[in-house]
PDB file of N, CA and C in Angstrom:
ATOM      1  N   MET A   1       0.718  -0.982  -0.090  1.00  0.00           N
ATOM      2  CA  MET A   1       0.102   0.091   0.021  1.00  0.00           C
ATOM      3  C   MET A   1       1.074   1.151   0.155  1.00  0.00           C
ATOM      4  N   LEU A   2       1.849   1.482   0.971  1.00  0.00           N
ATOM      5  CA  LEU A   2       2.916   2.466   0.683  1.00  0.00           C
ATOM      6  C   LEU A   2       3.537   2.681  -0.291  1.00  0.00           C
ATOM      7  N   LEU A   3       4.017   1.515  -1.091  1.00  0.00           N
ATOM      8  CA  LEU A   3       4.818   1.507  -2.514  1.00  0.00           C
ATOM      9  C   LEU A   3       3.486   2.251  -3.445  1.00  0.00           C
ATOM     10  N   THR A   4       2.146   1.904  -3.394  1.00  0.00           N
ATOM     11  CA  THR A   4       1.368   2.284  -4.228  1.00  0.00           C
ATOM     12  C   THR A   4       1.250   3.900  -3.914  1.00  0.00           C
ATOM     13  N   LEU A   5       1.361   4.331  -2.973  1.00  0.00           N
ATOM     14  CA  LEU A   5       1.074   5.814  -2.385  1.00  0.00           C
ATOM     15  C   LEU A   5       2.307   6.439  -2.904  1.00  0.00           C
ATOM     16  N   ALA A   6       3.518   6.059  -2.689  1.00  0.00           N
ATOM     17  CA  ALA A   6       4.896   6.662  -3.152  1.00  0.00           C
ATOM     18  C   ALA A   6       4.812   6.630  -4.820  1.00  0.00           C
ATOM     19  N   CYS A   7       4.633   5.693  -5.255  1.00  0.00           N
ATOM     20  CA  CYS A   7       4.356   5.725  -6.696  1.00  0.00           C
ATOM     21  C   CYS A   7       3.631   6.844  -7.319  1.00  0.00           C
ATOM     22  N   GLY A   8       2.316   6.814  -6.970  1.00  0.00           N
ATOM     23  CA  GLY A   8       1.633   7.971  -7.379  1.00  0.00           C
ATOM     24  C   GLY A   8       1.915   9.283  -6.975  1.00  0.00           C
ATOM     25  N   SER A   9       2.575   9.341  -5.605  1.00  0.00           N
ATOM     26  CA  SER A   9       3.166  10.512  -5.305  1.00  0.00           C
ATOM     27  C   SER A   9       3.984  11.238  -6.200  1.00  0.00           C
ATOM     28  N   LEU A  10       4.898  10.291  -6.668  1.00  0.00           N
ATOM     29  CA  LEU A  10       6.075  10.738  -7.787  1.00  0.00           C
ATOM     30  C   LEU A  10       5.253  10.875  -9.381  1.00  0.00           C
ATOM     31  N   PHE A  11       4.297   9.960  -9.651  1.00  0.00           N
ATOM     32  CA  PHE A  11       4.178   9.731 -10.790  1.00  0.00           C
ATOM     33  C   PHE A  11       3.012  11.043 -11.431  1.00  0.00           C
ATOM     34  N   PHE A  12       2.100  11.419 -10.650  1.00  0.00           N
ATOM     35  CA  PHE A  12       1.357  12.350 -10.934  1.00  0.00           C
ATOM     36  C   PHE A  12       2.035  13.869 -11.132  1.00  0.00           C
ATOM     37  N   PRO A  13       2.760  14.101  -9.858  1.00  0.00           N
ATOM     38  CA  PRO A  13       3.574  15.588 -10.066  1.00  0.00           C
ATOM     39  C   PRO A  13       4.568  15.617 -11.217  1.00  0.00           C
ATOM     40  N   GLY A  14       4.952  14.069 -11.386  1.00  0.00           N
ATOM     41  CA  GLY A  14       5.864  14.189 -12.532  1.00  0.00           C
ATOM     42  C   GLY A  14       5.342  14.320 -13.957  1.00  0.00           C
ATOM     43  N   LEU A  15       3.932  13.728 -14.034  1.00  0.00           N
ATOM     44  CA  LEU A  15       3.576  13.860 -15.406  1.00  0.00           C
ATOM     45  C   LEU A  15       2.780  15.320 -15.442  1.00  0.00           C
ATOM     46  N   PHE A  16       2.423  16.048 -14.192  1.00  0.00           N
ATOM     47  CA  PHE A  16       2.234  17.620 -14.362  1.00  0.00           C
ATOM     48  C   PHE A  16       3.625  18.454 -14.866  1.00  0.00           C
ATOM     49  N   ALA A  17       4.624  18.219 -14.188  1.00  0.00           N
ATOM     50  CA  ALA A  17       5.713  18.968 -14.961  1.00  0.00           C
ATOM     51  C   ALA A  17       6.039  18.364 -16.208  1.00  0.00           C
ATOM     52  N   LEU A  18       6.426  17.150 -16.734  1.00  0.00           N
ATOM     53  CA  LEU A  18       6.383  17.009 -18.150  1.00  0.00           C
ATOM     54  C   LEU A  18       5.771  17.410 -18.777  1.00  0.00           C
ATOM     55  N   CYS A  19       4.233  17.586 -18.484  1.00  0.00           N
ATOM     56  CA  CYS A  19       3.149  17.998 -19.568  1.00  0.00           C
ATOM     57  C   CYS A  19       3.322  19.719 -19.519  1.00  0.00           C
ATOM     58  N   THR A  20       3.782  20.191 -18.507  1.00  0.00           N
ATOM     59  CA  THR A  20       4.247  21.629 -18.666  1.00  0.00           C
ATOM     60  C   THR A  20       5.045  22.032 -19.007  1.00  0.00           C
ATOM     61  N   TRP A  21       6.393  21.197 -19.054  1.00  0.00           N
ATOM     62  CA  TRP A  21       7.681  21.539 -19.725  1.00  0.00           C
ATOM     63  C   TRP A  21       7.239  21.374 -21.211  1.00  0.00           C
ATOM     64  N   GLY A  22       6.748  20.220 -21.561  1.00  0.00           N
ATOM     65  CA  GLY A  22       6.511  20.308 -23.027  1.00  0.00           C
ATOM     66  C   GLY A  22       5.475  21.221 -23.589  1.00  0.00           C
ATOM     67  N   LEU A  23       4.775  21.547 -23.213  1.00  0.00           N
ATOM     68  CA  LEU A  23       3.845  22.594 -23.729  1.00  0.00           C
ATOM     69  C   LEU A  23       4.563  23.672 -23.697  1.00  0.00           C
ATOM     70  N   ARG A  24       5.475  24.451 -22.987  1.00  0.00           N
ATOM     71  CA  ARG A  24       6.261  25.489 -23.312  1.00  0.00           C
ATOM     72  C   ARG A  24       7.222  25.334 -24.302  1.00  0.00           C
ATOM     73  N   ARG A  25       7.695  24.206 -24.555  1.00  0.00           N
ATOM     74  CA  ARG A  25       8.538  24.232 -25.729  1.00  0.00           C
ATOM     75  C   ARG A  25       8.192  24.002 -26.762  1.00  0.00           C
ATOM     76  N   ALA A  26       6.786  23.071 -26.823  1.00  0.00           N
ATOM     77  CA  ALA A  26       6.158  23.300 -27.954  1.00  0.00           C
ATOM     78  C   ALA A  26       5.253  24.606 -28.434  1.00  0.00           C
ATOM     79  N   ARG A  27       4.990  25.176 -27.372  1.00  0.00           N
ATOM     80  CA  ARG A  27       3.930  26.430 -28.026  1.00  0.00           C
ATOM     81  C   ARG A  27       4.250  27.392 -26.978  1.00  0.00           C
ATOM     82  N   PRO A  28       5.562  28.170 -27.560  1.00  0.00           N
ATOM     83  CA  PRO A  28       6.149  29.047 -26.904  1.00  0.00           C
ATOM     84  C   PRO A  28       5.377  30.226 -26.832  1.00  0.00           C
ATOM     85  N   ALA A  29       4.591  30.671 -27.730  1.00  0.00           N
ATOM     86  CA  ALA A  29       3.277  31.709 -27.672  1.00  0.00           C
ATOM     87  C   ALA A  29       2.557  31.511 -26.228  1.00  0.00           C
ATOM     88  N   TRP A  30       2.452  30.577 -25.853  1.00  0.00           N
ATOM     89  CA  TRP A  30       1.187  30.315 -24.800  1.00  0.00           C
ATOM     90  C   TRP A  30       1.878  30.956 -23.858  1.00  0.00           C
ATOM     91  N   THR A  31       1.029  31.356 -22.853  1.00  0.00           N
ATOM     92  CA  THR A  31       1.660  31.865 -21.414  1.00  0.00           C
ATOM     93  C   THR A  31       1.368  30.727 -20.401  1.00  0.00           C
ATOM     94  N   ASP A  32       2.391  30.971 -18.992  1.00  0.00           N
ATOM     95  CA  ASP A  32       2.525  30.202 -18.157  1.00  0.00           C
ATOM     96  C   ASP A  32       1.419  29.619 -17.592  1.00  0.00           C
ATOM     97  N   SER A  33       0.283  30.449 -17.634  1.00  0.00           N
ATOM     98  CA  SER A  33      -0.603  29.832 -16.994  1.00  0.00           C
ATOM     99  C   SER A  33      -1.770  29.139 -17.837  1.00  0.00           C
ATOM    100  N   ASP A  34      -1.547  29.406 -19.073  1.00  0.00           N
ATOM    101  CA  ASP A  34      -2.267  28.576 -20.267  1.00  0.00           C
ATOM    102  C   ASP A  34      -1.309  27.096 -20.247  1.00  0.00           C
ATOM    103  N   CYS A  35      -0.113  26.824 -20.026  1.00  0.00           N
ATOM    104  CA  CYS A  35       0.276  25.752 -20.130  1.00  0.00           C
ATOM    105  C   CYS A  35      -0.069  24.823 -18.810  1.00  0.00           C
ATOM    106  N   VAL A  36      -0.050  25.699 -17.370  1.00  0.00           N
ATOM    107  CA  VAL A  36      -0.496  24.984 -16.250  1.00  0.00           C
ATOM    108  C   VAL A  36      -1.966  24.628 -16.457  1.00  0.00           C
ATOM    109  N   MET A  37      -2.587  25.313 -16.925  1.00  0.00           N
ATOM    110  CA  MET A  37      -4.097  25.099 -16.891  1.00  0.00           C
ATOM    111  C   MET A  37      -4.300  23.538 -17.791  1.00  0.00           C
ATOM    112  N   ILE A  38      -3.678  23.796 -18.948  1.00  0.00           N
ATOM    113  CA  ILE A  38      -3.961  22.082 -19.931  1.00  0.00           C
ATOM    114  C   ILE A  38      -3.212  21.206 -18.914  1.00  0.00           C
ATOM    115  N   SER A  39      -2.027  21.336 -18.590  1.00  0.00           N
ATOM    116  CA  SER A  39      -1.291  20.129 -17.817  1.00  0.00           C
ATOM    117  C   SER A  39      -2.344  19.804 -16.699  1.00  0.00           C
ATOM    118  N   THR A  40      -2.918  20.624 -15.961  1.00  0.00           N
ATOM    119  CA  THR A  40      -3.818  20.105 -14.710  1.00  0.00           C
ATOM    120  C   THR A  40      -4.882  19.550 -15.492  1.00  0.00           C
ATOM    121  N   ARG A  41      -5.786  19.686 -16.506  1.00  0.00           N
ATOM    122  CA  ARG A  41      -6.439  19.215 -16.980  1.00  0.00           C
ATOM    123  C   ARG A  41      -6.268  17.953 -17.406  1.00  0.00           C
ATOM    124  N   LEU A  42      -4.931  17.695 -18.226  1.00  0.00           N
ATOM    125  CA  LEU A  42      -4.464  16.442 -18.668  1.00  0.00           C
ATOM    126  C   LEU A  42      -4.199  15.299 -17.369  1.00  0.00           C
ATOM    127  N   VAL A  43      -3.890  15.790 -16.334  1.00  0.00           N
ATOM    128  CA  VAL A  43      -3.287  15.311 -15.146  1.00  0.00           C
ATOM    129  C   VAL A  43      -4.629  14.526 -14.558  1.00  0.00           C
ATOM    130  N   SER A  44      -5.515  15.564 -14.653  1.00  0.00           N
ATOM    131  CA  SER A  44      -7.037  15.164 -14.007  1.00  0.00           C
ATOM    132  C   SER A  44      -7.467  14.391 -15.112  1.00  0.00           C
ATOM    133  N   SER A  45      -7.558  14.330 -16.272  1.00  0.00           N
ATOM    134  CA  SER A  45      -7.638  13.199 -17.022  1.00  0.00           C
ATOM    135  C   SER A  45      -7.592  11.746 -16.788  1.00  0.00           C
ATOM    136  N   VAL A  46      -6.309  11.857 -16.691  1.00  0.00           N
ATOM    137  CA  VAL A  46      -5.297  10.645 -16.627  1.00  0.00           C
ATOM    138  C   VAL A  46      -5.877   9.875 -15.205  1.00  0.00           C
ATOM    139  N   GLN A  47      -6.077  10.505 -14.042  1.00  0.00           N
ATOM    140  CA  GLN A  47      -6.652  10.424 -12.927  1.00  0.00           C
ATOM    141  C   GLN A  47      -7.858   9.599 -12.900  1.00  0.00           C
ATOM    142  N   ALA A  48      -8.614  10.395 -13.835  1.00  0.00           N
ATOM    143  CA  ALA A  48     -10.237  10.025 -13.978  1.00  0.00           C
ATOM    144  C   ALA A  48     -10.538   8.448 -14.756  1.00  0.00           C
ATOM    145  N   VAL A  49      -9.488   8.391 -15.466  1.00  0.00           N
ATOM    146  CA  VAL A  49      -9.312   7.255 -16.628  1.00  0.00           C
ATOM    147  C   VAL A  49      -8.938   6.008 -15.426  1.00  0.00           C
ATOM    148  N   LEU A  50      -7.888   6.254 -14.777  1.00  0.00           N
ATOM    149  CA  LEU A  50      -7.222   5.288 -13.767  1.00  0.00           C
ATOM    150  C   LEU A  50      -7.916   4.861 -13.039  1.00  0.00           C
ATOM    151  N   ALA A  51      -9.095   5.727 -12.521  1.00  0.00           N
ATOM    152  CA  ALA A  51      -9.842   5.591 -11.034  1.00  0.00           C
ATOM    153  C   ALA A  51     -11.014   4.741 -11.955  1.00  0.00           C
ATOM    154  N   THR A  52     -11.645   5.214 -13.215  1.00  0.00           N
ATOM    155  CA  THR A  52     -12.505   4.184 -13.651  1.00  0.00           C
ATOM    156  C   THR A  52     -12.061   2.668 -14.209  1.00  0.00           C
ATOM    157  N   GLY A  53     -11.079   3.107 -14.342  1.00  0.00           N
ATOM    158  CA  GLY A  53     -10.351   1.460 -14.579  1.00  0.00           C
ATOM    159  C   GLY A  53     -10.224   0.768 -13.347  1.00  0.00           C
ATOM    160  N   SER A  54      -9.855   1.044 -12.317  1.00  0.00           N
ATOM    161  CA  SER A  54      -9.654   0.395 -11.120  1.00  0.00           C
ATOM    162  C   SER A  54     -11.147  -0.080 -10.606  1.00  0.00           C
ATOM    163  N   GLY A  55     -12.252   1.044 -10.764  1.00  0.00           N
ATOM    164  CA  GLY A  55     -13.263   0.604 -10.329  1.00  0.00           C
ATOM    165  C   GLY A  55     -14.164  -0.610 -11.130  1.00  0.00           C
ATOM    166  N   ILE A  56     -13.926  -0.520 -12.247  1.00  0.00           N
ATOM    167  CA  ILE A  56     -14.087  -1.521 -13.275  1.00  0.00           C
ATOM    168  C   ILE A  56     -13.686  -2.732 -12.933  1.00  0.00           C
ATOM    169  N   VAL A  57     -12.322  -2.936 -12.837  1.00  0.00           N
ATOM    170  CA  VAL A  57     -11.562  -4.098 -12.250  1.00  0.00           C
ATOM    171  C   VAL A  57     -12.740  -4.527 -10.769  1.00  0.00           C
ATOM    172  N   ILE A  58     -12.546  -3.535 -10.031  1.00  0.00           N
ATOM    173  CA  ILE A  58     -13.264  -4.301  -8.733  1.00  0.00           C
ATOM    174  C   ILE A  58     -14.561  -4.715  -8.651  1.00  0.00           C
ATOM    175  N   ILE A  59     -15.373  -3.993  -9.435  1.00  0.00           N
ATOM    176  CA  ILE A  59     -16.724  -4.585  -9.775  1.00  0.00           C
ATOM    177  C   ILE A  59     -16.827  -5.964 -10.749  1.00  0.00           C
ATOM    178  N   ARG A  60     -16.038  -5.872 -11.648  1.00  0.00           N
ATOM    179  CA  ARG A  60     -15.902  -7.344 -12.437  1.00  0.00           C
ATOM    180  C   ARG A  60     -15.251  -8.417 -11.324  1.00  0.00           C
ATOM    181  N   SER A  61     -14.452  -8.124 -10.553  1.00  0.00           N
ATOM    182  CA  SER A  61     -13.792  -9.516  -9.845  1.00  0.00           C
ATOM    183  C   SER A  61     -14.784 -10.041  -8.577  1.00  0.00           C
ATOM    184  N   CYS A  62     -15.840  -8.946  -8.487  1.00  0.00           N
ATOM    185  CA  CYS A  62     -17.002  -9.148  -7.403  1.00  0.00           C
ATOM    186  C   CYS A  62     -18.106  -9.981  -7.837  1.00  0.00           C
ATOM    187  N   ASN A  63     -18.557 -10.776  -6.899  1.00  0.00           N
ATOM    188  CA  ASN A  63     -19.879 -11.573  -7.352  1.00  0.00           C
ATOM    189  C   ASN A  63     -21.211 -10.476  -7.003  1.00  0.00           C
ATOM    190  N   ASP A  64     -20.830  -9.922  -5.687  1.00  0.00           N
ATOM    191  CA  ASP A  64     -21.859  -9.068  -5.227  1.00  0.00           C
ATOM    192  C   ASP A  64     -20.949  -7.872  -4.685  1.00  0.00           C
ATOM    193  N   VAL A  65     -21.089  -6.811  -5.015  1.00  0.00           N
ATOM    194  CA  VAL A  65     -19.784  -5.804  -4.782  1.00  0.00           C
ATOM    195  C   VAL A  65     -20.380  -5.257  -3.337  1.00  0.00           C
ATOM    196  N   ILE A  66     -21.718  -5.201  -2.825  1.00  0.00           N
ATOM    197  CA  ILE A  66     -22.135  -4.744  -1.540  1.00  0.00           C
ATOM    198  C   ILE A  66     -21.615  -5.620  -0.444  1.00  0.00           C
ATOM    199  N   THR A  67     -21.635  -6.986  -0.471  1.00  0.00           N
ATOM    200  CA  THR A  67     -21.528  -7.831   0.446  1.00  0.00           C
ATOM    201  C   THR A  67     -20.372  -8.590   0.119  1.00  0.00           C
ATOM    202  N   ASP A  68     -19.574  -8.337  -0.781  1.00  0.00           N
ATOM    203  CA  ASP A  68     -18.018  -9.076  -1.231  1.00  0.00           C
ATOM    204  C   ASP A  68     -17.238  -8.635  -0.109  1.00  0.00           C
ATOM    205  N   ARG A  69     -16.477  -9.427   0.917  1.00  0.00           N
ATOM    206  CA  ARG A  69     -15.155  -8.618   1.454  1.00  0.00           C
ATOM    207  C   ARG A  69     -13.740  -9.232   0.821  1.00  0.00           C
ATOM    208  N   SER A  70     -13.018  -8.453   1.369  1.00  0.00           N
ATOM    209  CA  SER A  70     -11.528  -8.513   0.754  1.00  0.00           C
ATOM    210  C   SER A  70     -11.188  -9.999   1.546  1.00  0.00           C
ATOM    211  N   LEU A  71      -9.975 -10.397   1.196  1.00  0.00           N
ATOM    212  CA  LEU A  71      -9.177 -11.569   1.336  1.00  0.00           C
ATOM    213  C   LEU A  71      -8.989 -11.699   3.326  1.00  0.00           C
ATOM    214  N   GLY A  72      -8.539 -10.596   3.664  1.00  0.00           N
ATOM    215  CA  GLY A  72      -8.166 -10.372   5.056  1.00  0.00           C
ATOM    216  C   GLY A  72      -9.176 -10.206   6.024  1.00  0.00           C
ATOM    217  N   GLU A  73     -10.332  -9.778   5.252  1.00  0.00           N
ATOM    218  CA  GLU A  73     -11.663  -9.148   6.414  1.00  0.00           C
ATOM    219  C   GLU A  73     -12.455 -10.513   6.454  1.00  0.00           C
ATOM    220  N   THR A  74     -12.919 -10.690   7.680  1.00  0.00           N
ATOM    221  CA  THR A  74     -13.976 -11.505   8.092  1.00  0.00           C
ATOM    222  C   THR A  74     -15.328 -10.804   8.816  1.00  0.00           C
ATOM    223  N   LEU A  75     -16.069 -11.474   9.142  1.00  0.00           N
ATOM    224  CA  LEU A  75     -17.378 -10.763   9.777  1.00  0.00           C
ATOM    225  C   LEU A  75     -17.226  -9.967  11.012  1.00  0.00           C
ATOM    226  N   VAL A  76     -16.202 -10.881  12.012  1.00  0.00           N
ATOM    227  CA  VAL A  76     -15.773 -10.442  12.966  1.00  0.00           C
ATOM    228  C   VAL A  76     -15.068  -8.937  12.855  1.00  0.00           C
ATOM    229  N   THR A  77     -13.849  -8.786  12.133  1.00  0.00           N
ATOM    230  CA  THR A  77     -13.314  -7.800  11.670  1.00  0.00           C
ATOM    231  C   THR A  77     -13.851  -6.376  11.500  1.00  0.00           C
ATOM    232  N   SER A  78     -15.245  -6.695  10.520  1.00  0.00           N
ATOM    233  CA  SER A  78     -15.957  -5.474  10.165  1.00  0.00           C
ATOM    234  C   SER A  78     -16.824  -5.526  11.218  1.00  0.00           C
ATOM    235  N   LEU A  79     -17.134  -6.143  11.809  1.00  0.00           N
ATOM    236  CA  LEU A  79     -18.187  -6.001  13.041  1.00  0.00           C
ATOM    237  C   LEU A  79     -17.342  -5.044  14.142  1.00  0.00           C
ATOM    238  N   LEU A  80     -16.167  -5.290  14.432  1.00  0.00           N
ATOM    239  CA  LEU A  80     -15.433  -4.682  14.836  1.00  0.00           C
ATOM    240  C   LEU A  80     -14.993  -3.168  14.711  1.00  0.00           C
ATOM    241  N   ALA A  81     -14.653  -3.024  13.236  1.00  0.00           N
ATOM    242  CA  ALA A  81     -14.840  -1.723  12.852  1.00  0.00           C
ATOM    243  C   ALA A  81     -16.133  -0.800  13.052  1.00  0.00           C
ATOM    244  N   VAL A  82     -17.103  -1.616  12.911  1.00  0.00           N
ATOM    245  CA  VAL A  82     -18.508  -1.049  12.703  1.00  0.00           C
ATOM    246  C   VAL A  82     -18.639  -0.247  14.336  1.00  0.00           C
ATOM    247  N   SER A  83     -18.250  -1.105  15.552  1.00  0.00           N
ATOM    248  CA  SER A  83     -18.615  -0.985  16.948  1.00  0.00           C
ATOM    249  C   SER A  83     -17.402  -0.014  17.375  1.00  0.00           C
ATOM    250  N   SER A  84     -16.493   0.101  16.831  1.00  0.00           N
ATOM    251  CA  SER A  84     -15.120   1.064  17.212  1.00  0.00           C
ATOM    252  C   SER A  84     -15.682   2.500  16.806  1.00  0.00           C
ATOM    253  N   ARG A  85     -16.738   2.438  15.435  1.00  0.00           N
ATOM    254  CA  ARG A  85     -17.008   3.740  14.698  1.00  0.00           C
ATOM    255  C   ARG A  85     -17.868   4.434  15.637  1.00  0.00           C
ATOM    256  N   GLN A  86     -19.075   3.506  16.314  1.00  0.00           N
ATOM    257  CA  GLN A  86     -19.993   3.819  16.971  1.00  0.00           C
ATOM    258  C   GLN A  86     -19.389   4.391  18.447  1.00  0.00           C
ATOM    259  N   ASN A  87     -18.431   4.182  19.179  1.00  0.00           N
ATOM    260  CA  ASN A  87     -18.011   4.728  20.540  1.00  0.00           C
ATOM    261  C   ASN A  87     -17.495   5.748  20.414  1.00  0.00           C
TER     262      ASN A  87
END
């Protein structure tokens, strides 16, 4: 989980910096704010596509999305989580 967080923390800012740099070189007439705005929208689009893809993978791997649990979760651990939230 921490590896995924670290990779995402490097990938998305890196993609933003790369897009901004590339747009500044490809379109020198554009202002910095134009390049930043387009780069922001591109990174947001990539995040949306990846989130949609992961959602599709999760939905297709479950028989019933509402009642299916992860491998390590049992009824006891989920009830403990619910009871700890209520206290």
